[in-house]
Amino acid sequence: MRHKPATHCTTIVSYAVNLLQVELLKKNADKICEFLTACAICHTASPDKNTAFSERPLYHATSPDEHALLKFASDAGFIFKRRSSGKIIVDMLGTISEFELMAILEFNSDRKRMSVIVRDSKGTYKLYIKGADQMIFDRLIDVSQKEMKRTSGHLQQFAYQGYRTLCFAVKIINNDIFAKWYEKYNNTIADVKNRREKLAQLAEEIEKDLCLIGVSAIEDRLQKDVPETVARLLLAGIRVWVLTGDKLETAVNIGNSCHLLQAGAPMVVLSSTDASVVKEELSK
């Protein structure tokens, strides 16, 4: 699992940075710092207990993507160190910063996003969020058409290369607004009966008016001998299905890479999310 070049709303950057990119990085330093901060704190991972106090901890993450993002942030100087008494400790370019973790709005297949709300050392409440592009785009505020077009272009470019993508955004929350929301959040956490539905409603309340800070692209390489194995299964007359939550372009790229899709073979794309529409298309 490798983190590929990331786009910070204006340009694509990778580990190899040229002089032009250096100037663009300087111009967008604030957004890049927010993007790396989001990578370092918007997750549910935890450091390995044997390396938690080392200079570069190892991590236990719920997904390879989270692990790749943490590694990327760490390589860029934003090192998630540990969780301690409701706080997230991050080494930010040599300065230890503490974020009080107020709430986690977890990822699920319906939400297609996750967010954390923290209070920084200045007492500012911030929401950091990452998720599927459309889920984030629909909740943005004050974003120009030029910026959206450029970012969408980067996302499409990454998808055609077979990379999995995520969008990142941030929001500063007014103290009074947060206090009212947090009271409802705590009441909901204590409500066993309707917790899931109420948390979803609270997430919709707070996860809006976001500021886009970047997108990431992650390469999930095929394991050894996958193309050969798929070819043998097909040769044996076995029907092979791949179920994925990736974007269409990413899924097609992976299908080609593992030889499930054959060059020149006809391909039928059913992209509707309406079951009745898909059924009608299949009957044709």
C-alpha atoms as a PDB file:
ATOM      1  CA  MET A   1       0.000   0.000   0.000  1.00  0.00           C
ATOM      2  CA  ARG A   2       1.601   3.252  -1.117  1.00  0.00           C
ATOM      3  CA  HIS A   3       0.470   6.843  -0.832  1.00  0.00           C
ATOM      4  CA  LYS A   4       0.829   8.414  -4.253  1.00  0.00           C
ATOM      5  CA  PRO A   5       1.039  12.132  -5.117  1.00  0.00           C
ATOM      6  CA  ALA A   6      -1.494  14.315  -3.322  1.00  0.00           C
ATOM      7  CA  THR A   7      -3.262  17.375  -4.666  1.00  0.00           C
ATOM      8  CA  HIS A   8      -3.781  20.391  -2.452  1.00  0.00           C
ATOM      9  CA  CYS A   9      -6.476  22.161  -4.504  1.00  0.00           C
ATOM     10  CA  THR A  10      -3.943  23.822  -6.792  1.00  0.00           C
ATOM     11  CA  THR A  11      -1.174  21.428  -7.761  1.00  0.00           C
ATOM     12  CA  ILE A  12      -0.118  17.803  -7.553  1.00  0.00           C
ATOM     13  CA  VAL A  13       2.839  17.189  -5.260  1.00  0.00           C
ATOM     14  CA  SER A  14       4.849  14.083  -4.511  1.00  0.00           C
ATOM     15  CA  TYR A  15       8.064  13.176  -2.735  1.00  0.00           C
ATOM     16  CA  ALA A  16      10.037  14.518  -5.703  1.00  0.00           C
ATOM     17  CA  VAL A  17       9.346  18.271  -5.715  1.00  0.00           C
ATOM     18  CA  ASN A  18      10.730  20.609  -8.402  1.00  0.00           C
ATOM     19  CA  LEU A  19      11.409  24.340  -8.065  1.00  0.00           C
ATOM     20  CA  LEU A  20       8.036  25.360  -9.524  1.00  0.00           C
ATOM     21  CA  GLN A  21       6.254  23.148  -7.029  1.00  0.00           C
ATOM     22  CA  VAL A  22       8.293  24.670  -4.181  1.00  0.00           C
ATOM     23  CA  GLU A  23       6.826  28.096  -4.995  1.00  0.00           C
ATOM     24  CA  LEU A  24       3.320  26.645  -5.199  1.00  0.00           C
ATOM     25  CA  LEU A  25       3.855  24.875  -1.887  1.00  0.00           C
ATOM     26  CA  LYS A  26       4.898  28.150  -0.246  1.00  0.00           C
ATOM     27  CA  LYS A  27       1.815  29.887  -1.648  1.00  0.00           C
ATOM     28  CA  ASN A  28      -0.477  27.184  -0.259  1.00  0.00           C
ATOM     29  CA  ALA A  29       1.402  26.469   2.976  1.00  0.00           C
ATOM     30  CA  ASP A  30      -1.629  26.967   5.237  1.00  0.00           C
ATOM     31  CA  LYS A  31      -3.810  24.512   3.318  1.00  0.00           C
ATOM     32  CA  ILE A  32      -1.001  21.985   3.105  1.00  0.00           C
ATOM     33  CA  CYS A  33      -0.450  22.157   6.872  1.00  0.00           C
ATOM     34  CA  GLU A  34      -4.176  21.634   7.414  1.00  0.00           C
ATOM     35  CA  PHE A  35      -4.140  18.702   4.970  1.00  0.00           C
ATOM     36  CA  LEU A  36      -1.242  17.032   6.786  1.00  0.00           C
ATOM     37  CA  THR A  37      -2.885  17.735  10.149  1.00  0.00           C
ATOM     38  CA  ALA A  38      -6.042  16.032   8.885  1.00  0.00           C
ATOM     39  CA  CYS A  39      -3.994  12.996   7.810  1.00  0.00           C
ATOM     40  CA  ALA A  40      -2.401  12.877  11.269  1.00  0.00           C
ATOM     41  CA  ILE A  41      -5.562  13.157  13.396  1.00  0.00           C
ATOM     42  CA  CYS A  42      -8.623  12.165  11.307  1.00  0.00           C
ATOM     43  CA  HIS A  43      -8.474   8.405  11.850  1.00  0.00           C
ATOM     44  CA  THR A  44      -9.099   5.675  14.404  1.00  0.00           C
ATOM     45  CA  ALA A  45      -5.567   4.237  14.375  1.00  0.00           C
ATOM     46  CA  SER A  46      -3.383   3.802  17.435  1.00  0.00           C
ATOM     47  CA  PRO A  47       0.407   3.598  17.823  1.00  0.00           C
ATOM     48  CA  ASP A  48       1.970   0.256  18.618  1.00  0.00           C
ATOM     49  CA  LYS A  49       2.510   0.238  22.389  1.00  0.00           C
ATOM     50  CA  ASN A  50       6.149  -0.794  21.970  1.00  0.00           C
ATOM     51  CA  THR A  51       6.934   2.192  19.721  1.00  0.00           C
ATOM     52  CA  ALA A  52       4.473   4.819  21.026  1.00  0.00           C
ATOM     53  CA  PHE A  53       7.217   6.939  22.573  1.00  0.00           C
ATOM     54  CA  SER A  54       9.770   6.447  19.804  1.00  0.00           C
ATOM     55  CA  GLU A  55      10.638   9.125  17.261  1.00  0.00           C
ATOM     56  CA  ARG A  56       8.648   7.357  14.509  1.00  0.00           C
ATOM     57  CA  PRO A  57       5.925   5.103  15.980  1.00  0.00           C
ATOM     58  CA  LEU A  58       4.444   2.132  14.164  1.00  0.00           C
ATOM     59  CA  TYR A  59       0.663   2.081  13.861  1.00  0.00           C
ATOM     60  CA  HIS A  60      -2.271  -0.283  14.176  1.00  0.00           C
ATOM     61  CA  ALA A  61      -4.901   0.919  11.692  1.00  0.00           C
ATOM     62  CA  THR A  62      -8.347  -0.367  10.768  1.00  0.00           C
ATOM     63  CA  SER A  63      -7.528  -0.071   7.065  1.00  0.00           C
ATOM     64  CA  PRO A  64      -4.398  -0.033   4.877  1.00  0.00           C
ATOM     65  CA  ASP A  65      -5.480   3.396   3.608  1.00  0.00           C
ATOM     66  CA  GLU A  66      -5.299   4.929   7.091  1.00  0.00           C
ATOM     67  CA  HIS A  67      -1.870   3.386   7.575  1.00  0.00           C
ATOM     68  CA  ALA A  68      -0.648   4.830   4.259  1.00  0.00           C
ATOM     69  CA  LEU A  69      -1.968   8.310   5.103  1.00  0.00           C
ATOM     70  CA  LEU A  70      -0.312   8.249   8.530  1.00  0.00           C
ATOM     71  CA  LYS A  71       2.965   7.166   6.936  1.00  0.00           C
ATOM     72  CA  PHE A  72       2.694   9.971   4.380  1.00  0.00           C
ATOM     73  CA  ALA A  73       1.993  12.600   7.052  1.00  0.00           C
ATOM     74  CA  SER A  74       4.840  11.251   9.167  1.00  0.00           C
ATOM     75  CA  ASP A  75       7.280  11.425   6.240  1.00  0.00           C
ATOM     76  CA  ALA A  76       6.192  15.051   5.723  1.00  0.00           C
ATOM     77  CA  GLY A  77       6.926  15.920   9.368  1.00  0.00           C
ATOM     78  CA  PHE A  78       3.443  15.574  10.900  1.00  0.00           C
ATOM     79  CA  ILE A  79       3.857  12.551  13.157  1.00  0.00           C
ATOM     80  CA  PHE A  80       0.910  11.112  15.063  1.00  0.00           C
ATOM     81  CA  LYS A  81       2.536  10.168  18.366  1.00  0.00           C
ATOM     82  CA  ARG A  82      -0.183   8.815  20.637  1.00  0.00           C
ATOM     83  CA  ARG A  83      -3.610   9.155  22.207  1.00  0.00           C
ATOM     84  CA  SER A  84      -3.641  10.141  25.863  1.00  0.00           C
ATOM     85  CA  SER A  85      -6.599  10.965  28.145  1.00  0.00           C
ATOM     86  CA  GLY A  86      -8.859  12.090  25.331  1.00  0.00           C
ATOM     87  CA  LYS A  87      -6.080  13.936  23.525  1.00  0.00           C
ATOM     88  CA  ILE A  88      -4.249  13.352  20.255  1.00  0.00           C
ATOM     89  CA  ILE A  89      -0.547  14.157  20.367  1.00  0.00           C
ATOM     90  CA  VAL A  90       1.118  15.164  17.088  1.00  0.00           C
ATOM     91  CA  ASP A  91       4.716  16.157  16.404  1.00  0.00           C
ATOM     92  CA  MET A  92       4.272  18.948  13.859  1.00  0.00           C
ATOM     93  CA  LEU A  93       7.641  19.723  12.280  1.00  0.00           C
ATOM     94  CA  GLY A  94       9.397  19.286  15.622  1.00  0.00           C
ATOM     95  CA  THR A  95       6.774  21.013  17.775  1.00  0.00           C
ATOM     96  CA  ILE A  96       4.562  18.847  19.976  1.00  0.00           C
ATOM     97  CA  SER A  97       0.895  19.812  19.593  1.00  0.00           C
ATOM     98  CA  GLU A  98      -2.038  18.521  21.618  1.00  0.00           C
ATOM     99  CA  PHE A  99      -5.576  18.285  20.269  1.00  0.00           C
ATOM    100  CA  GLU A 100      -8.442  17.560  22.629  1.00  0.00           C
ATOM    101  CA  LEU A 101     -10.611  14.974  20.894  1.00  0.00           C
ATOM    102  CA  MET A 102     -14.230  16.067  21.301  1.00  0.00           C
ATOM    103  CA  ALA A 103     -16.051  13.705  18.922  1.00  0.00           C
ATOM    104  CA  ILE A 104     -15.544  11.058  16.262  1.00  0.00           C
ATOM    105  CA  LEU A 105     -18.184  10.677  13.552  1.00  0.00           C
ATOM    106  CA  GLU A 106     -17.227   7.310  12.154  1.00  0.00           C
ATOM    107  CA  PHE A 107     -17.158   6.028   8.601  1.00  0.00           C
ATOM    108  CA  ASN A 108     -19.803   3.662   7.288  1.00  0.00           C
ATOM    109  CA  SER A 109     -20.956   2.561   3.836  1.00  0.00           C
ATOM    110  CA  ASP A 110     -23.873   5.017   3.862  1.00  0.00           C
ATOM    111  CA  ARG A 111     -21.891   8.070   4.986  1.00  0.00           C
ATOM    112  CA  LYS A 112     -18.769   7.319   2.916  1.00  0.00           C
ATOM    113  CA  ARG A 113     -16.842   9.727   5.114  1.00  0.00           C
ATOM    114  CA  MET A 114     -15.514  10.162   8.650  1.00  0.00           C
ATOM    115  CA  SER A 115     -14.728  13.228  10.719  1.00  0.00           C
ATOM    116  CA  VAL A 116     -13.218  14.242  14.022  1.00  0.00           C
ATOM    117  CA  ILE A 117     -13.884  17.378  16.041  1.00  0.00           C
ATOM    118  CA  VAL A 118     -10.960  18.646  18.098  1.00  0.00           C
ATOM    119  CA  ARG A 119     -10.042  21.661  20.204  1.00  0.00           C
ATOM    120  CA  ASP A 120      -6.547  22.965  19.533  1.00  0.00           C
ATOM    121  CA  SER A 121      -4.148  24.691  21.921  1.00  0.00           C
ATOM    122  CA  LYS A 122      -5.753  28.074  21.153  1.00  0.00           C
ATOM    123  CA  GLY A 123      -9.184  26.819  22.175  1.00  0.00           C
ATOM    124  CA  THR A 124     -10.477  26.727  18.592  1.00  0.00           C
ATOM    125  CA  TYR A 125     -12.906  23.965  17.667  1.00  0.00           C
ATOM    126  CA  LYS A 126     -12.161  22.373  14.303  1.00  0.00           C
ATOM    127  CA  LEU A 127     -13.766  19.610  12.303  1.00  0.00           C
ATOM    128  CA  TYR A 128     -11.482  17.580  10.030  1.00  0.00           C
ATOM    129  CA  ILE A 129     -13.183  15.299   7.530  1.00  0.00           C
ATOM    130  CA  LYS A 130     -12.176  12.871   4.786  1.00  0.00           C
ATOM    131  CA  GLY A 131     -14.327  10.848   2.426  1.00  0.00           C
ATOM    132  CA  ALA A 132     -15.608  10.133  -1.073  1.00  0.00           C
ATOM    133  CA  ASP A 133     -15.349  13.116  -3.397  1.00  0.00           C
ATOM    134  CA  GLN A 134     -19.065  13.759  -3.934  1.00  0.00           C
ATOM    135  CA  MET A 135     -19.805  13.448  -0.216  1.00  0.00           C
ATOM    136  CA  ILE A 136     -17.280  16.211   0.480  1.00  0.00           C
ATOM    137  CA  PHE A 137     -18.046  18.344  -2.591  1.00  0.00           C
ATOM    138  CA  ASP A 138     -21.738  18.540  -1.659  1.00  0.00           C
ATOM    139  CA  ARG A 139     -20.805  20.054   1.713  1.00  0.00           C
ATOM    140  CA  LEU A 140     -18.300  22.703   0.617  1.00  0.00           C
ATOM    141  CA  ILE A 141     -18.710  26.456   0.913  1.00  0.00           C
ATOM    142  CA  ASP A 142     -16.948  29.336  -0.861  1.00  0.00           C
ATOM    143  CA  VAL A 143     -15.173  27.140  -3.415  1.00  0.00           C
ATOM    144  CA  SER A 144     -14.610  28.549  -6.896  1.00  0.00           C
ATOM    145  CA  GLN A 145     -15.544  26.736 -10.096  1.00  0.00           C
ATOM    146  CA  LYS A 146     -11.896  26.911 -11.131  1.00  0.00           C
ATOM    147  CA  GLU A 147     -10.778  25.161  -7.958  1.00  0.00           C
ATOM    148  CA  MET A 148     -13.487  22.511  -8.278  1.00  0.00           C
ATOM    149  CA  LYS A 149     -12.623  21.849 -11.919  1.00  0.00           C
ATOM    150  CA  ARG A 150      -8.922  21.507 -11.132  1.00  0.00           C
ATOM    151  CA  THR A 151      -9.518  19.213  -8.173  1.00  0.00           C
ATOM    152  CA  SER A 152     -12.016  17.085 -10.111  1.00  0.00           C
ATOM    153  CA  GLY A 153      -9.446  16.769 -12.885  1.00  0.00           C
ATOM    154  CA  HIS A 154      -6.845  15.513 -10.430  1.00  0.00           C
ATOM    155  CA  LEU A 155      -9.320  13.011  -8.981  1.00  0.00           C
ATOM    156  CA  GLN A 156     -10.177  11.688 -12.429  1.00  0.00           C
ATOM    157  CA  GLN A 157      -6.497  11.457 -13.335  1.00  0.00           C
ATOM    158  CA  PHE A 158      -5.782   9.433 -10.193  1.00  0.00           C
ATOM    159  CA  ALA A 159      -8.806   7.178 -10.767  1.00  0.00           C
ATOM    160  CA  TYR A 160      -7.745   6.358 -14.340  1.00  0.00           C
ATOM    161  CA  GLN A 161      -4.379   5.287 -12.906  1.00  0.00           C
ATOM    162  CA  GLY A 162      -6.159   2.882 -10.578  1.00  0.00           C
ATOM    163  CA  TYR A 163      -5.585   4.841  -7.358  1.00  0.00           C
ATOM    164  CA  ARG A 164      -8.120   5.076  -4.550  1.00  0.00           C
ATOM    165  CA  THR A 165      -8.922   8.680  -3.732  1.00  0.00           C
ATOM    166  CA  LEU A 166     -10.177  10.629  -0.736  1.00  0.00           C
ATOM    167  CA  CYS A 167     -11.117  14.286  -0.319  1.00  0.00           C
ATOM    168  CA  PHE A 168     -10.158  16.243   2.801  1.00  0.00           C
ATOM    169  CA  ALA A 169     -11.800  19.343   4.263  1.00  0.00           C
ATOM    170  CA  VAL A 170     -11.795  21.417   7.438  1.00  0.00           C
ATOM    171  CA  LYS A 171     -14.243  23.649   9.285  1.00  0.00           C
ATOM    172  CA  ILE A 172     -13.791  26.076  12.181  1.00  0.00           C
ATOM    173  CA  ILE A 173     -16.790  25.795  14.507  1.00  0.00           C
ATOM    174  CA  ASN A 174     -18.153  28.736  16.478  1.00  0.00           C
ATOM    175  CA  ASN A 175     -17.966  28.095  20.242  1.00  0.00           C
ATOM    176  CA  ASP A 176     -21.690  28.676  20.848  1.00  0.00           C
ATOM    177  CA  ILE A 177     -22.711  26.492  17.912  1.00  0.00           C
ATOM    178  CA  PHE A 178     -20.394  23.740  19.095  1.00  0.00           C
ATOM    179  CA  ALA A 179     -21.678  23.906  22.691  1.00  0.00           C
ATOM    180  CA  LYS A 180     -25.281  23.378  21.556  1.00  0.00           C
ATOM    181  CA  TRP A 181     -24.304  20.608  19.148  1.00  0.00           C
ATOM    182  CA  TYR A 182     -22.061  18.892  21.715  1.00  0.00           C
ATOM    183  CA  GLU A 183     -24.875  18.755  24.273  1.00  0.00           C
ATOM    184  CA  LYS A 184     -27.043  16.921  21.741  1.00  0.00           C
ATOM    185  CA  TYR A 185     -24.103  14.684  20.833  1.00  0.00           C
ATOM    186  CA  ASN A 186     -23.534  13.604  24.447  1.00  0.00           C
ATOM    187  CA  ASN A 187     -27.254  12.943  24.924  1.00  0.00           C
ATOM    188  CA  THR A 188     -27.247  10.819  21.777  1.00  0.00           C
ATOM    189  CA  ILE A 189     -24.219   8.798  22.889  1.00  0.00           C
ATOM    190  CA  ALA A 190     -26.173   7.883  26.030  1.00  0.00           C
ATOM    191  CA  ASP A 191     -29.258   6.880  24.014  1.00  0.00           C
ATOM    192  CA  VAL A 192     -28.790   3.184  23.228  1.00  0.00           C
ATOM    193  CA  LYS A 193     -32.114   2.790  21.426  1.00  0.00           C
ATOM    194  CA  ASN A 194     -31.851   5.336  18.598  1.00  0.00           C
ATOM    195  CA  ARG A 195     -28.153   6.161  18.673  1.00  0.00           C
ATOM    196  CA  ARG A 196     -27.269   5.317  15.053  1.00  0.00           C
ATOM    197  CA  GLU A 197     -30.063   7.371  13.486  1.00  0.00           C
ATOM    198  CA  LYS A 198     -29.529  10.359  15.778  1.00  0.00           C
ATOM    199  CA  LEU A 199     -25.762  10.345  15.218  1.00  0.00           C
ATOM    200  CA  ALA A 200     -26.390  10.402  11.470  1.00  0.00           C
ATOM    201  CA  GLN A 201     -28.636  13.455  11.922  1.00  0.00           C
ATOM    202  CA  LEU A 202     -26.057  15.204  14.102  1.00  0.00           C
ATOM    203  CA  ALA A 203     -23.363  14.492  11.534  1.00  0.00           C
ATOM    204  CA  GLU A 204     -25.484  16.134   8.832  1.00  0.00           C
ATOM    205  CA  GLU A 205     -25.888  19.182  11.083  1.00  0.00           C
ATOM    206  CA  ILE A 206     -22.191  19.749  11.672  1.00  0.00           C
ATOM    207  CA  GLU A 207     -20.527  18.325   8.527  1.00  0.00           C
ATOM    208  CA  LYS A 208     -21.364  21.261   6.256  1.00  0.00           C
ATOM    209  CA  ASP A 209     -19.900  24.621   5.185  1.00  0.00           C
ATOM    210  CA  LEU A 210     -16.534  22.909   4.731  1.00  0.00           C
ATOM    211  CA  CYS A 211     -13.295  24.274   3.271  1.00  0.00           C
ATOM    212  CA  LEU A 212     -11.541  21.941   0.820  1.00  0.00           C
ATOM    213  CA  ILE A 213      -7.892  21.349   1.749  1.00  0.00           C
ATOM    214  CA  GLY A 214      -6.851  18.573  -0.623  1.00  0.00           C
ATOM    215  CA  VAL A 215      -7.245  15.059  -1.925  1.00  0.00           C
ATOM    216  CA  SER A 216      -5.105  11.954  -1.606  1.00  0.00           C
ATOM    217  CA  ALA A 217      -4.411   9.054  -3.947  1.00  0.00           C
ATOM    218  CA  ILE A 218      -3.422   5.620  -2.697  1.00  0.00           C
ATOM    219  CA  GLU A 219      -2.104   2.752  -4.788  1.00  0.00           C
ATOM    220  CA  ASP A 220      -3.169  -0.702  -3.652  1.00  0.00           C
ATOM    221  CA  ARG A 221      -0.874  -2.999  -5.604  1.00  0.00           C
ATOM    222  CA  LEU A 222      -2.072  -6.385  -6.740  1.00  0.00           C
ATOM    223  CA  GLN A 223      -0.671  -9.287  -4.780  1.00  0.00           C
ATOM    224  CA  LYS A 224       1.776 -11.618  -6.472  1.00  0.00           C
ATOM    225  CA  ASP A 225       0.338 -13.978  -9.140  1.00  0.00           C
ATOM    226  CA  VAL A 226      -3.154 -12.408  -9.116  1.00  0.00           C
ATOM    227  CA  PRO A 227      -3.354 -11.928 -12.936  1.00  0.00           C
ATOM    228  CA  GLU A 228      -2.155 -15.487 -13.563  1.00  0.00           C
ATOM    229  CA  THR A 229      -4.609 -16.893 -11.015  1.00  0.00           C
ATOM    230  CA  VAL A 230      -7.551 -14.992 -12.519  1.00  0.00           C
ATOM    231  CA  ALA A 231      -6.556 -16.180 -16.008  1.00  0.00           C
ATOM    232  CA  ARG A 232      -6.527 -19.815 -14.872  1.00  0.00           C
ATOM    233  CA  LEU A 233      -9.921 -19.476 -13.187  1.00  0.00           C
ATOM    234  CA  LEU A 234     -11.416 -18.033 -16.365  1.00  0.00           C
ATOM    235  CA  LEU A 235      -9.767 -20.751 -18.460  1.00  0.00           C
ATOM    236  CA  ALA A 236     -11.401 -23.344 -16.213  1.00  0.00           C
ATOM    237  CA  GLY A 237     -14.809 -21.834 -16.957  1.00  0.00           C
ATOM    238  CA  ILE A 238     -15.237 -20.318 -13.514  1.00  0.00           C
ATOM    239  CA  ARG A 239     -17.124 -17.039 -13.358  1.00  0.00           C
ATOM    240  CA  VAL A 240     -15.138 -14.433 -11.433  1.00  0.00           C
ATOM    241  CA  TRP A 241     -16.774 -11.396  -9.810  1.00  0.00           C
ATOM    242  CA  VAL A 242     -15.030  -8.491  -8.136  1.00  0.00           C
ATOM    243  CA  LEU A 243     -17.025  -6.459  -5.624  1.00  0.00           C
ATOM    244  CA  THR A 244     -15.542  -3.034  -4.912  1.00  0.00           C
ATOM    245  CA  GLY A 245     -16.524   0.319  -3.489  1.00  0.00           C
ATOM    246  CA  ASP A 246     -14.020   2.137  -5.701  1.00  0.00           C
ATOM    247  CA  LYS A 247     -14.854   4.698  -8.382  1.00  0.00           C
ATOM    248  CA  LEU A 248     -15.790   3.280 -11.794  1.00  0.00           C
ATOM    249  CA  GLU A 249     -12.524   4.394 -13.412  1.00  0.00           C
ATOM    250  CA  THR A 250     -10.480   2.812 -10.610  1.00  0.00           C
ATOM    251  CA  ALA A 251     -12.443  -0.439 -10.820  1.00  0.00           C
ATOM    252  CA  VAL A 252     -11.939  -0.677 -14.597  1.00  0.00           C
ATOM    253  CA  ASN A 253      -8.213  -0.031 -14.212  1.00  0.00           C
ATOM    254  CA  ILE A 254      -7.902  -2.808 -11.613  1.00  0.00           C
ATOM    255  CA  GLY A 255      -9.988  -5.115 -13.818  1.00  0.00           C
ATOM    256  CA  ASN A 256      -7.510  -4.571 -16.639  1.00  0.00           C
ATOM    257  CA  SER A 257      -4.500  -5.001 -14.342  1.00  0.00           C
ATOM    258  CA  CYS A 258      -5.652  -8.388 -13.046  1.00  0.00           C
ATOM    259  CA  HIS A 259      -6.709  -9.505 -16.560  1.00  0.00           C
ATOM    260  CA  LEU A 260     -10.334  -9.915 -15.529  1.00  0.00           C
ATOM    261  CA  LEU A 261     -11.212  -7.510 -18.326  1.00  0.00           C
ATOM    262  CA  GLN A 262      -9.762  -8.551 -21.662  1.00  0.00           C
ATOM    263  CA  ALA A 263      -8.425  -6.055 -24.195  1.00  0.00           C
ATOM    264  CA  GLY A 264     -10.905  -5.537 -27.019  1.00  0.00           C
ATOM    265  CA  ALA A 265     -13.717  -7.391 -25.263  1.00  0.00           C
ATOM    266  CA  PRO A 266     -17.092  -5.585 -25.101  1.00  0.00           C
ATOM    267  CA  MET A 267     -17.836  -3.959 -21.751  1.00  0.00           C
ATOM    268  CA  VAL A 268     -21.285  -2.999 -20.486  1.00  0.00           C
ATOM    269  CA  VAL A 269     -21.364  -0.273 -17.829  1.00  0.00           C
ATOM    270  CA  LEU A 270     -24.394  -0.051 -15.525  1.00  0.00           C
ATOM    271  CA  SER A 271     -23.763   3.023 -13.402  1.00  0.00           C
ATOM    272  CA  SER A 272     -27.219   3.733 -11.990  1.00  0.00           C
ATOM    273  CA  THR A 273     -27.802   3.441  -8.240  1.00  0.00           C
ATOM    274  CA  ASP A 274     -31.507   2.730  -8.840  1.00  0.00           C
ATOM    275  CA  ALA A 275     -32.209  -1.026  -8.700  1.00  0.00           C
ATOM    276  CA  SER A 276     -35.186  -0.790 -11.072  1.00  0.00           C
ATOM    277  CA  VAL A 277     -33.107   1.055 -13.677  1.00  0.00           C
ATOM    278  CA  VAL A 278     -30.326  -1.545 -13.457  1.00  0.00           C
ATOM    279  CA  LYS A 279     -32.869  -4.366 -13.789  1.00  0.00           C
ATOM    280  CA  GLU A 280     -34.319  -2.729 -16.882  1.00  0.00           C
ATOM    281  CA  GLU A 281     -30.866  -2.298 -18.425  1.00  0.00           C
ATOM    282  CA  LEU A 282     -29.996  -5.951 -17.750  1.00  0.00           C
ATOM    283  CA  SER A 283     -33.173  -7.116 -19.470  1.00  0.00           C
ATOM    284  CA  LYS A 284     -32.225  -5.418 -22.743  1.00  0.00           C
END
